[in-house]
PDB file of N, CA and C in Angstrom:
ATOM      1  N   MET A   1     244.299 219.423  12.629  1.00  0.00           N
ATOM      2  CA  MET A   1     242.645 219.838  13.483  1.00  0.00           C
ATOM      3  C   MET A   1     242.000 220.915  12.456  1.00  0.00           C
ATOM      4  N   ALA A   2     241.029 221.109  12.416  1.00  0.00           N
ATOM      5  CA  ALA A   2     240.064 221.673  11.417  1.00  0.00           C
ATOM      6  C   ALA A   2     239.826 222.806  12.099  1.00  0.00           C
ATOM      7  N   SER A   3     239.598 223.980  11.146  1.00  0.00           N
ATOM      8  CA  SER A   3     239.871 225.341  11.701  1.00  0.00           C
ATOM      9  C   SER A   3     237.995 225.749  11.878  1.00  0.00           C
ATOM     10  N   LYS A   4     237.727 226.787  12.545  1.00  0.00           N
ATOM     11  CA  LYS A   4     236.542 226.909  12.806  1.00  0.00           C
ATOM     12  C   LYS A   4     236.071 228.135  11.860  1.00  0.00           C
ATOM     13  N   PRO A   5     234.846 228.055  11.042  1.00  0.00           N
ATOM     14  CA  PRO A   5     234.409 228.707  10.179  1.00  0.00           C
ATOM     15  C   PRO A   5     234.461 230.104  10.251  1.00  0.00           C
ATOM     16  N   SER A   6     234.042 231.009   9.422  1.00  0.00           N
ATOM     17  CA  SER A   6     234.343 232.045  10.088  1.00  0.00           C
ATOM     18  C   SER A   6     232.728 232.225   9.576  1.00  0.00           C
ATOM     19  N   CYS A   7     231.807 231.966   9.144  1.00  0.00           N
ATOM     20  CA  CYS A   7     230.456 232.045   9.294  1.00  0.00           C
ATOM     21  C   CYS A   7     229.859 230.686   9.019  1.00  0.00           C
ATOM     22  N   HIS A   8     228.695 230.860   9.565  1.00  0.00           N
ATOM     23  CA  HIS A   8     227.680 229.397  10.105  1.00  0.00           C
ATOM     24  C   HIS A   8     226.272 230.299   9.563  1.00  0.00           C
ATOM     25  N   ILE A   9     225.914 229.383   8.773  1.00  0.00           N
ATOM     26  CA  ILE A   9     224.555 229.712   8.150  1.00  0.00           C
ATOM     27  C   ILE A   9     223.932 228.721   8.448  1.00  0.00           C
ATOM     28  N   LEU A  10     222.359 228.580   9.268  1.00  0.00           N
ATOM     29  CA  LEU A  10     221.312 227.990   9.622  1.00  0.00           C
ATOM     30  C   LEU A  10     220.046 228.197   8.910  1.00  0.00           C
ATOM     31  N   VAL A  11     219.335 227.178   8.155  1.00  0.00           N
ATOM     32  CA  VAL A  11     218.443 227.028   7.482  1.00  0.00           C
ATOM     33  C   VAL A  11     217.216 226.198   8.112  1.00  0.00           C
ATOM     34  N   CYS A  12     216.221 227.094   8.450  1.00  0.00           N
ATOM     35  CA  CYS A  12     215.266 226.565   8.974  1.00  0.00           C
ATOM     36  C   CYS A  12     214.589 225.012   8.034  1.00  0.00           C
ATOM     37  N   ALA A  13     214.794 224.221   8.397  1.00  0.00           N
ATOM     38  CA  ALA A  13     214.224 223.004   7.917  1.00  0.00           C
ATOM     39  C   ALA A  13     212.623 222.245   8.403  1.00  0.00           C
ATOM     40  N   SER A  14     212.195 223.079   9.559  1.00  0.00           N
ATOM     41  CA  SER A  14     211.142 222.937   9.970  1.00  0.00           C
ATOM     42  C   SER A  14     210.875 221.577  10.870  1.00  0.00           C
ATOM     43  N   PHE A  15     211.809 220.748  11.506  1.00  0.00           N
ATOM     44  CA  PHE A  15     211.512 219.635  11.919  1.00  0.00           C
ATOM     45  C   PHE A  15     211.433 220.115  13.312  1.00  0.00           C
ATOM     46  N   ARG A  16     210.722 219.100  14.029  1.00  0.00           N
ATOM     47  CA  ARG A  16     210.015 219.655  15.378  1.00  0.00           C
ATOM     48  C   ARG A  16     210.691 218.098  16.088  1.00  0.00           C
ATOM     49  N   VAL A  17     210.363 218.114  17.269  1.00  0.00           N
ATOM     50  CA  VAL A  17     211.228 217.291  18.016  1.00  0.00           C
ATOM     51  C   VAL A  17     210.840 215.527  17.721  1.00  0.00           C
ATOM     52  N   SER A  18     209.567 215.668  17.045  1.00  0.00           N
ATOM     53  CA  SER A  18     209.386 213.862  16.787  1.00  0.00           C
ATOM     54  C   SER A  18     209.952 213.607  15.874  1.00  0.00           C
ATOM     55  N   GLY A  19     210.873 214.632  14.838  1.00  0.00           N
ATOM     56  CA  GLY A  19     211.295 214.513  13.780  1.00  0.00           C
ATOM     57  C   GLY A  19     210.357 214.928  12.428  1.00  0.00           C
ATOM     58  N   ASP A  20     209.328 215.132  12.777  1.00  0.00           N
ATOM     59  CA  ASP A  20     208.556 215.409  11.428  1.00  0.00           C
ATOM     60  C   ASP A  20     208.770 216.782  11.221  1.00  0.00           C
ATOM     61  N   PRO A  21     208.726 217.527   9.835  1.00  0.00           N
ATOM     62  CA  PRO A  21     208.635 218.625   9.440  1.00  0.00           C
ATOM     63  C   PRO A  21     206.949 218.972   9.649  1.00  0.00           C
ATOM     64  N   LYS A  22     206.939 219.942  10.244  1.00  0.00           N
ATOM     65  CA  LYS A  22     205.107 220.692  10.223  1.00  0.00           C
ATOM     66  C   LYS A  22     205.483 221.799  10.137  1.00  0.00           C
ATOM     67  N   GLY A  23     206.416 222.553  10.075  1.00  0.00           N
ATOM     68  CA  GLY A  23     206.397 223.955   9.827  1.00  0.00           C
ATOM     69  C   GLY A  23     206.073 224.476   8.735  1.00  0.00           C
ATOM     70  N   VAL A  24     206.535 225.849   8.121  1.00  0.00           N
ATOM     71  CA  VAL A  24     206.334 225.839   6.545  1.00  0.00           C
ATOM     72  C   VAL A  24     207.420 226.545   5.873  1.00  0.00           C
ATOM     73  N   CYS A  25     208.689 226.477   6.273  1.00  0.00           N
ATOM     74  CA  CYS A  25     209.942 226.796   5.707  1.00  0.00           C
ATOM     75  C   CYS A  25     210.120 225.684   4.658  1.00  0.00           C
ATOM     76  N   HIS A  26     210.118 224.383   5.247  1.00  0.00           N
ATOM     77  CA  HIS A  26     210.251 223.022   4.066  1.00  0.00           C
ATOM     78  C   HIS A  26     209.436 223.395   2.982  1.00  0.00           C
ATOM     79  N   LYS A  27     207.896 223.531   3.330  1.00  0.00           N
ATOM     80  CA  LYS A  27     207.054 223.617   2.406  1.00  0.00           C
ATOM     81  C   LYS A  27     207.276 224.802   1.160  1.00  0.00           C
ATOM     82  N   LYS A  28     207.968 225.616   1.742  1.00  0.00           N
ATOM     83  CA  LYS A  28     208.300 226.977   1.021  1.00  0.00           C
ATOM     84  C   LYS A  28     209.718 226.881   0.395  1.00  0.00           C
ATOM     85  N   GLY A  29     210.397 225.744   0.485  1.00  0.00           N
ATOM     86  CA  GLY A  29     211.719 225.161  -0.483  1.00  0.00           C
ATOM     87  C   GLY A  29     212.633 225.488   0.646  1.00  0.00           C
ATOM     88  N   SER A  30     212.813 225.732   1.798  1.00  0.00           N
ATOM     89  CA  SER A  30     214.008 225.949   2.325  1.00  0.00           C
ATOM     90  C   SER A  30     215.311 225.080   2.064  1.00  0.00           C
ATOM     91  N   THR A  31     214.830 223.587   2.259  1.00  0.00           N
ATOM     92  CA  THR A  31     215.921 223.212   2.156  1.00  0.00           C
ATOM     93  C   THR A  31     216.414 222.507   0.762  1.00  0.00           C
ATOM     94  N   GLY A  32     215.459 222.956  -0.495  1.00  0.00           N
ATOM     95  CA  GLY A  32     216.019 222.949  -1.762  1.00  0.00           C
ATOM     96  C   GLY A  32     216.849 223.703  -1.964  1.00  0.00           C
ATOM     97  N   LEU A  33     217.005 224.724  -1.131  1.00  0.00           N
ATOM     98  CA  LEU A  33     218.176 226.195  -1.404  1.00  0.00           C
ATOM     99  C   LEU A  33     219.689 225.724  -0.704  1.00  0.00           C
ATOM    100  N   LEU A  34     219.833 224.693   0.041  1.00  0.00           N
ATOM    101  CA  LEU A  34     220.861 224.211   0.671  1.00  0.00           C
ATOM    102  C   LEU A  34     222.068 224.225  -0.345  1.00  0.00           C
ATOM    103  N   GLN A  35     222.088 223.419  -0.880  1.00  0.00           N
ATOM    104  CA  GLN A  35     223.277 223.242  -1.991  1.00  0.00           C
ATOM    105  C   GLN A  35     223.356 224.669  -2.965  1.00  0.00           C
ATOM    106  N   TYR A  36     222.496 225.324  -2.897  1.00  0.00           N
ATOM    107  CA  TYR A  36     222.556 226.754  -3.670  1.00  0.00           C
ATOM    108  C   TYR A  36     223.359 227.826  -2.923  1.00  0.00           C
ATOM    109  N   ILE A  37     223.054 227.784  -1.326  1.00  0.00           N
ATOM    110  CA  ILE A  37     224.013 228.381  -0.397  1.00  0.00           C
ATOM    111  C   ILE A  37     225.299 228.062  -0.123  1.00  0.00           C
ATOM    112  N   GLU A  38     225.456 226.451  -0.367  1.00  0.00           N
ATOM    113  CA  GLU A  38     226.500 225.874   0.122  1.00  0.00           C
ATOM    114  C   GLU A  38     227.739 226.059  -1.246  1.00  0.00           C
ATOM    115  N   GLU A  39     227.248 226.496  -2.298  1.00  0.00           N
ATOM    116  CA  GLU A  39     227.757 226.542  -3.724  1.00  0.00           C
ATOM    117  C   GLU A  39     228.228 228.210  -3.690  1.00  0.00           C
ATOM    118  N   GLY A  40     227.224 228.795  -3.273  1.00  0.00           N
ATOM    119  CA  GLY A  40     227.300 230.404  -3.163  1.00  0.00           C
ATOM    120  C   GLY A  40     228.612 230.629  -2.619  1.00  0.00           C
ATOM    121  N   LEU A  41     228.902 230.009  -1.059  1.00  0.00           N
ATOM    122  CA  LEU A  41     229.947 230.236  -0.180  1.00  0.00           C
ATOM    123  C   LEU A  41     231.202 230.034  -0.755  1.00  0.00           C
ATOM    124  N   LEU A  42     231.197 228.639  -1.405  1.00  0.00           N
ATOM    125  CA  LEU A  42     232.334 228.201  -2.062  1.00  0.00           C
ATOM    126  C   LEU A  42     232.539 229.410  -3.645  1.00  0.00           C
ATOM    127  N   ASP A  43     231.921 229.849  -4.201  1.00  0.00           N
ATOM    128  CA  ASP A  43     232.131 230.767  -5.230  1.00  0.00           C
ATOM    129  C   ASP A  43     232.837 231.973  -4.794  1.00  0.00           C
ATOM    130  N   ARG A  44     232.549 232.568  -3.575  1.00  0.00           N
ATOM    131  CA  ARG A  44     232.667 233.580  -2.791  1.00  0.00           C
ATOM    132  C   ARG A  44     233.953 233.285  -2.106  1.00  0.00           C
ATOM    133  N   GLY A  45     234.741 232.464  -2.166  1.00  0.00           N
ATOM    134  CA  GLY A  45     235.479 232.098  -1.136  1.00  0.00           C
ATOM    135  C   GLY A  45     235.263 232.525   0.126  1.00  0.00           C
ATOM    136  N   ILE A  46     234.279 232.091   0.871  1.00  0.00           N
ATOM    137  CA  ILE A  46     233.711 232.630   2.364  1.00  0.00           C
ATOM    138  C   ILE A  46     233.730 231.018   2.845  1.00  0.00           C
ATOM    139  N   ASP A  47     234.673 231.127   4.009  1.00  0.00           N
ATOM    140  CA  ASP A  47     234.757 229.989   4.912  1.00  0.00           C
ATOM    141  C   ASP A  47     233.569 229.750   5.781  1.00  0.00           C
ATOM    142  N   GLY A  48     232.964 229.044   4.932  1.00  0.00           N
ATOM    143  CA  GLY A  48     231.805 228.929   5.849  1.00  0.00           C
ATOM    144  C   GLY A  48     230.788 227.615   5.761  1.00  0.00           C
ATOM    145  N   LEU A  49     229.958 227.327   7.178  1.00  0.00           N
ATOM    146  CA  LEU A  49     229.256 225.802   7.232  1.00  0.00           C
ATOM    147  C   LEU A  49     227.849 226.326   6.889  1.00  0.00           C
ATOM    148  N   VAL A  50     227.135 225.128   6.457  1.00  0.00           N
ATOM    149  CA  VAL A  50     225.746 225.689   6.085  1.00  0.00           C
ATOM    150  C   VAL A  50     224.862 224.435   6.705  1.00  0.00           C
ATOM    151  N   CYS A  51     223.936 224.542   7.627  1.00  0.00           N
ATOM    152  CA  CYS A  51     223.447 223.250   8.387  1.00  0.00           C
ATOM    153  C   CYS A  51     221.993 223.708   8.003  1.00  0.00           C
ATOM    154  N   ALA A  52     220.953 222.654   8.050  1.00  0.00           N
ATOM    155  CA  ALA A  52     219.892 222.451   8.286  1.00  0.00           C
ATOM    156  C   ALA A  52     219.183 222.377   9.684  1.00  0.00           C
ATOM    157  N   THR A  53     218.083 223.111  10.079  1.00  0.00           N
ATOM    158  CA  THR A  53     218.139 223.446  11.621  1.00  0.00           C
ATOM    159  C   THR A  53     216.549 222.594  11.953  1.00  0.00           C
ATOM    160  N   GLY A  54     216.034 222.477  13.173  1.00  0.00           N
ATOM    161  CA  GLY A  54     214.931 222.199  13.552  1.00  0.00           C
ATOM    162  C   GLY A  54     214.207 223.521  13.097  1.00  0.00           C
ATOM    163  N   CYS A  55     212.804 223.442  13.538  1.00  0.00           N
ATOM    164  CA  CYS A  55     211.653 224.441  13.734  1.00  0.00           C
ATOM    165  C   CYS A  55     212.724 225.753  14.574  1.00  0.00           C
ATOM    166  N   MET A  56     212.575 227.019  14.050  1.00  0.00           N
ATOM    167  CA  MET A  56     212.834 228.182  14.197  1.00  0.00           C
ATOM    168  C   MET A  56     211.852 229.159  15.009  1.00  0.00           C
ATOM    169  N   LYS A  57     210.882 228.663  14.936  1.00  0.00           N
ATOM    170  CA  LYS A  57     209.527 229.115  15.455  1.00  0.00           C
ATOM    171  C   LYS A  57     209.461 230.520  15.100  1.00  0.00           C
ATOM    172  N   GLN A  58     209.353 230.424  13.652  1.00  0.00           N
ATOM    173  CA  GLN A  58     209.351 232.095  13.034  1.00  0.00           C
ATOM    174  C   GLN A  58     208.364 231.829  11.703  1.00  0.00           C
ATOM    175  N   CYS A  59     207.505 230.793  11.627  1.00  0.00           N
ATOM    176  CA  CYS A  59     206.611 230.138  10.747  1.00  0.00           C
ATOM    177  C   CYS A  59     206.123 231.199   9.723  1.00  0.00           C
ATOM    178  N   ASP A  60     205.612 232.459  10.402  1.00  0.00           N
ATOM    179  CA  ASP A  60     204.954 233.378   9.711  1.00  0.00           C
ATOM    180  C   ASP A  60     205.859 234.131   8.595  1.00  0.00           C
ATOM    181  N   ASP A  61     207.133 234.255   8.783  1.00  0.00           N
ATOM    182  CA  ASP A  61     208.357 234.772   8.199  1.00  0.00           C
ATOM    183  C   ASP A  61     208.870 233.795   7.213  1.00  0.00           C
ATOM    184  N   GLY A  62     208.639 232.857   7.709  1.00  0.00           N
ATOM    185  CA  GLY A  62     209.792 231.677   6.678  1.00  0.00           C
ATOM    186  C   GLY A  62     209.543 231.880   5.269  1.00  0.00           C
ATOM    187  N   PRO A  63     210.551 231.189   4.344  1.00  0.00           N
ATOM    188  CA  PRO A  63     211.582 230.338   5.149  1.00  0.00           C
ATOM    189  C   PRO A  63     212.825 231.655   6.119  1.00  0.00           C
ATOM    190  N   ILE A  64     213.127 230.704   6.969  1.00  0.00           N
ATOM    191  CA  ILE A  64     214.251 231.766   7.985  1.00  0.00           C
ATOM    192  C   ILE A  64     215.903 231.178   7.703  1.00  0.00           C
ATOM    193  N   MET A  65     216.515 231.904   7.657  1.00  0.00           N
ATOM    194  CA  MET A  65     217.802 231.791   7.577  1.00  0.00           C
ATOM    195  C   MET A  65     218.640 232.680   8.481  1.00  0.00           C
ATOM    196  N   VAL A  66     219.679 232.334   9.290  1.00  0.00           N
ATOM    197  CA  VAL A  66     220.650 232.817  10.210  1.00  0.00           C
ATOM    198  C   VAL A  66     221.922 233.048  10.230  1.00  0.00           C
ATOM    199  N   VAL A  67     222.307 234.014  10.086  1.00  0.00           N
ATOM    200  CA  VAL A  67     224.052 233.927   9.643  1.00  0.00           C
ATOM    201  C   VAL A  67     224.540 234.494  11.321  1.00  0.00           C
ATOM    202  N   TYR A  68     225.889 233.611  11.371  1.00  0.00           N
ATOM    203  CA  TYR A  68     226.356 233.721  12.883  1.00  0.00           C
ATOM    204  C   TYR A  68     227.891 233.667  12.053  1.00  0.00           C
ATOM    205  N   PRO A  69     228.471 234.824  12.971  1.00  0.00           N
ATOM    206  CA  PRO A  69     228.531 235.129  14.142  1.00  0.00           C
ATOM    207  C   PRO A  69     227.806 236.474  14.083  1.00  0.00           C
ATOM    208  N   GLN A  70     227.437 236.962  13.003  1.00  0.00           N
ATOM    209  CA  GLN A  70     226.577 237.986  13.050  1.00  0.00           C
ATOM    210  C   GLN A  70     225.524 238.149  13.726  1.00  0.00           C
ATOM    211  N   GLY A  71     224.970 237.274  13.836  1.00  0.00           N
ATOM    212  CA  GLY A  71     223.552 237.121  14.771  1.00  0.00           C
ATOM    213  C   GLY A  71     222.378 237.788  13.878  1.00  0.00           C
ATOM    214  N   HIS A  72     222.536 237.786  12.521  1.00  0.00           N
ATOM    215  CA  HIS A  72     221.446 238.461  11.314  1.00  0.00           C
ATOM    216  C   HIS A  72     220.499 237.179  11.193  1.00  0.00           C
ATOM    217  N   TRP A  73     219.025 237.675  11.454  1.00  0.00           N
ATOM    218  CA  TRP A  73     217.871 236.520  11.109  1.00  0.00           C
ATOM    219  C   TRP A  73     217.531 237.063   9.540  1.00  0.00           C
ATOM    220  N   TYR A  74     217.042 236.171   8.822  1.00  0.00           N
ATOM    221  CA  TYR A  74     216.834 236.682   7.370  1.00  0.00           C
ATOM    222  C   TYR A  74     215.122 235.981   7.212  1.00  0.00           C
ATOM    223  N   LYS A  75     214.371 236.733   6.861  1.00  0.00           N
ATOM    224  CA  LYS A  75     213.108 236.142   6.509  1.00  0.00           C
ATOM    225  C   LYS A  75     212.744 235.927   5.385  1.00  0.00           C
ATOM    226  N   ALA A  76     211.611 234.880   4.995  1.00  0.00           N
ATOM    227  CA  ALA A  76     211.370 235.050   3.475  1.00  0.00           C
ATOM    228  C   ALA A  76     212.443 234.594   2.483  1.00  0.00           C
ATOM    229  N   VAL A  77     213.632 233.908   2.783  1.00  0.00           N
ATOM    230  CA  VAL A  77     214.345 233.579   2.167  1.00  0.00           C
ATOM    231  C   VAL A  77     214.086 232.399   1.061  1.00  0.00           C
ATOM    232  N   ASP A  78     213.605 232.585  -0.110  1.00  0.00           N
ATOM    233  CA  ASP A  78     212.659 231.784  -0.923  1.00  0.00           C
ATOM    234  C   ASP A  78     213.733 231.718  -2.542  1.00  0.00           C
ATOM    235  N   SER A  79     214.231 232.707  -2.562  1.00  0.00           N
ATOM    236  CA  SER A  79     214.808 232.666  -3.993  1.00  0.00           C
ATOM    237  C   SER A  79     216.518 232.856  -3.855  1.00  0.00           C
ATOM    238  N   GLU A  80     216.866 232.371  -4.765  1.00  0.00           N
ATOM    239  CA  GLU A  80     218.560 232.496  -5.315  1.00  0.00           C
ATOM    240  C   GLU A  80     218.617 233.997  -5.088  1.00  0.00           C
ATOM    241  N   ASP A  81     218.003 234.973  -5.986  1.00  0.00           N
ATOM    242  CA  ASP A  81     218.056 236.392  -5.807  1.00  0.00           C
ATOM    243  C   ASP A  81     218.752 236.722  -4.225  1.00  0.00           C
ATOM    244  N   LYS A  82     217.558 236.419  -3.558  1.00  0.00           N
ATOM    245  CA  LYS A  82     217.817 236.668  -1.919  1.00  0.00           C
ATOM    246  C   LYS A  82     218.907 236.271  -1.241  1.00  0.00           C
ATOM    247  N   ILE A  83     219.409 234.989  -1.778  1.00  0.00           N
ATOM    248  CA  ILE A  83     220.732 234.418  -1.347  1.00  0.00           C
ATOM    249  C   ILE A  83     221.649 235.282  -1.747  1.00  0.00           C
ATOM    250  N   ASP A  84     221.707 235.194  -2.852  1.00  0.00           N
ATOM    251  CA  ASP A  84     222.752 235.999  -3.592  1.00  0.00           C
ATOM    252  C   ASP A  84     223.051 237.614  -2.520  1.00  0.00           C
ATOM    253  N   GLU A  85     222.024 238.063  -2.202  1.00  0.00           N
ATOM    254  CA  GLU A  85     222.126 239.494  -1.605  1.00  0.00           C
ATOM    255  C   GLU A  85     222.526 239.144  -0.494  1.00  0.00           C
ATOM    256  N   ILE A  86     222.073 238.296   0.711  1.00  0.00           N
ATOM    257  CA  ILE A  86     222.591 237.838   1.623  1.00  0.00           C
ATOM    258  C   ILE A  86     224.191 237.443   1.825  1.00  0.00           C
ATOM    259  N   LEU A  87     224.527 236.630   0.703  1.00  0.00           N
ATOM    260  CA  LEU A  87     225.730 236.210   0.716  1.00  0.00           C
ATOM    261  C   LEU A  87     226.822 237.454   0.411  1.00  0.00           C
ATOM    262  N   GLU A  88     226.266 238.154  -0.409  1.00  0.00           N
ATOM    263  CA  GLU A  88     226.885 239.310  -0.633  1.00  0.00           C
ATOM    264  C   GLU A  88     227.333 240.510   0.579  1.00  0.00           C
ATOM    265  N   ALA A  89     226.337 240.456   1.359  1.00  0.00           N
ATOM    266  CA  ALA A  89     226.367 241.134   2.350  1.00  0.00           C
ATOM    267  C   ALA A  89     227.191 240.493   3.457  1.00  0.00           C
ATOM    268  N   CYS A  90     227.422 239.107   3.498  1.00  0.00           N
ATOM    269  CA  CYS A  90     228.278 238.396   4.519  1.00  0.00           C
ATOM    270  C   CYS A  90     229.757 238.708   3.939  1.00  0.00           C
ATOM    271  N   GLU A  91     230.056 238.525   2.978  1.00  0.00           N
ATOM    272  CA  GLU A  91     231.070 238.906   2.081  1.00  0.00           C
ATOM    273  C   GLU A  91     231.770 240.150   2.329  1.00  0.00           C
ATOM    274  N   ASN A  92     230.735 241.181   2.518  1.00  0.00           N
ATOM    275  CA  ASN A  92     231.200 242.591   2.842  1.00  0.00           C
ATOM    276  C   ASN A  92     231.165 242.839   4.348  1.00  0.00           C
ATOM    277  N   GLY A  93     230.824 242.200   5.499  1.00  0.00           N
ATOM    278  CA  GLY A  93     230.614 242.339   6.648  1.00  0.00           C
ATOM    279  C   GLY A  93     229.490 242.893   6.610  1.00  0.00           C
ATOM    280  N   GLY A  94     228.465 243.006   6.155  1.00  0.00           N
ATOM    281  CA  GLY A  94     227.200 243.575   6.554  1.00  0.00           C
ATOM    282  C   GLY A  94     226.349 242.931   6.838  1.00  0.00           C
ATOM    283  N   ALA A  95     225.178 243.702   6.669  1.00  0.00           N
ATOM    284  CA  ALA A  95     224.019 242.737   6.415  1.00  0.00           C
ATOM    285  C   ALA A  95     222.876 243.065   5.396  1.00  0.00           C
ATOM    286  N   ALA A  96     221.915 242.272   4.647  1.00  0.00           N
ATOM    287  CA  ALA A  96     221.256 242.543   3.729  1.00  0.00           C
ATOM    288  C   ALA A  96     219.677 243.008   4.263  1.00  0.00           C
ATOM    289  N   GLU A  97     219.482 244.495   4.610  1.00  0.00           N
ATOM    290  CA  GLU A  97     218.791 244.826   5.166  1.00  0.00           C
ATOM    291  C   GLU A  97     217.329 244.693   4.775  1.00  0.00           C
ATOM    292  N   ASP A  98     217.263 244.659   3.770  1.00  0.00           N
ATOM    293  CA  ASP A  98     215.827 244.302   3.020  1.00  0.00           C
ATOM    294  C   ASP A  98     215.219 243.212   3.360  1.00  0.00           C
ATOM    295  N   HIS A  99     215.933 242.282   4.104  1.00  0.00           N
ATOM    296  CA  HIS A  99     215.861 240.600   4.022  1.00  0.00           C
ATOM    297  C   HIS A  99     215.602 240.545   5.826  1.00  0.00           C
ATOM    298  N   LEU A 100     216.069 241.398   6.659  1.00  0.00           N
ATOM    299  CA  LEU A 100     216.219 240.900   8.140  1.00  0.00           C
ATOM    300  C   LEU A 100     215.067 241.045   8.771  1.00  0.00           C
ATOM    301  N   LEU A 101     214.814 239.907   9.376  1.00  0.00           N
ATOM    302  CA  LEU A 101     213.373 239.660  10.264  1.00  0.00           C
ATOM    303  C   LEU A 101     213.509 240.585  11.290  1.00  0.00           C
ATOM    304  N   PHE A 102     214.710 240.642  12.473  1.00  0.00           N
ATOM    305  CA  PHE A 102     214.769 241.845  13.197  1.00  0.00           C
ATOM    306  C   PHE A 102     215.825 243.105  12.877  1.00  0.00           C
ATOM    307  N   LYS A 103     215.294 244.257  12.854  1.00  0.00           N
ATOM    308  CA  LYS A 103     216.352 245.114  12.714  1.00  0.00           C
ATOM    309  C   LYS A 103     216.544 245.845  13.711  1.00  0.00           C
TER     310      LYS A 103
END
């Protein structure tokens, strides 16, 4: 039986119910960063799962990334540097305060 991951990262891929990407996150490169996030988890030894999601309805602040179980919502996650900061915070059990959507 597989074990439950300690961390679940959701990345907005802008898809709507019809299946079409209509938001802005995918236009700003959110899906292009999925592999980098996955590799970052592996490099840090974080037992995590990365998933692309439908639209999270936060288009003005996208790309959006959410980390559970902490419930941290991150805004404007559009670079490897920001992802590194977020993953480092995950590794240390905290939040990357500068990138939080909701504080």
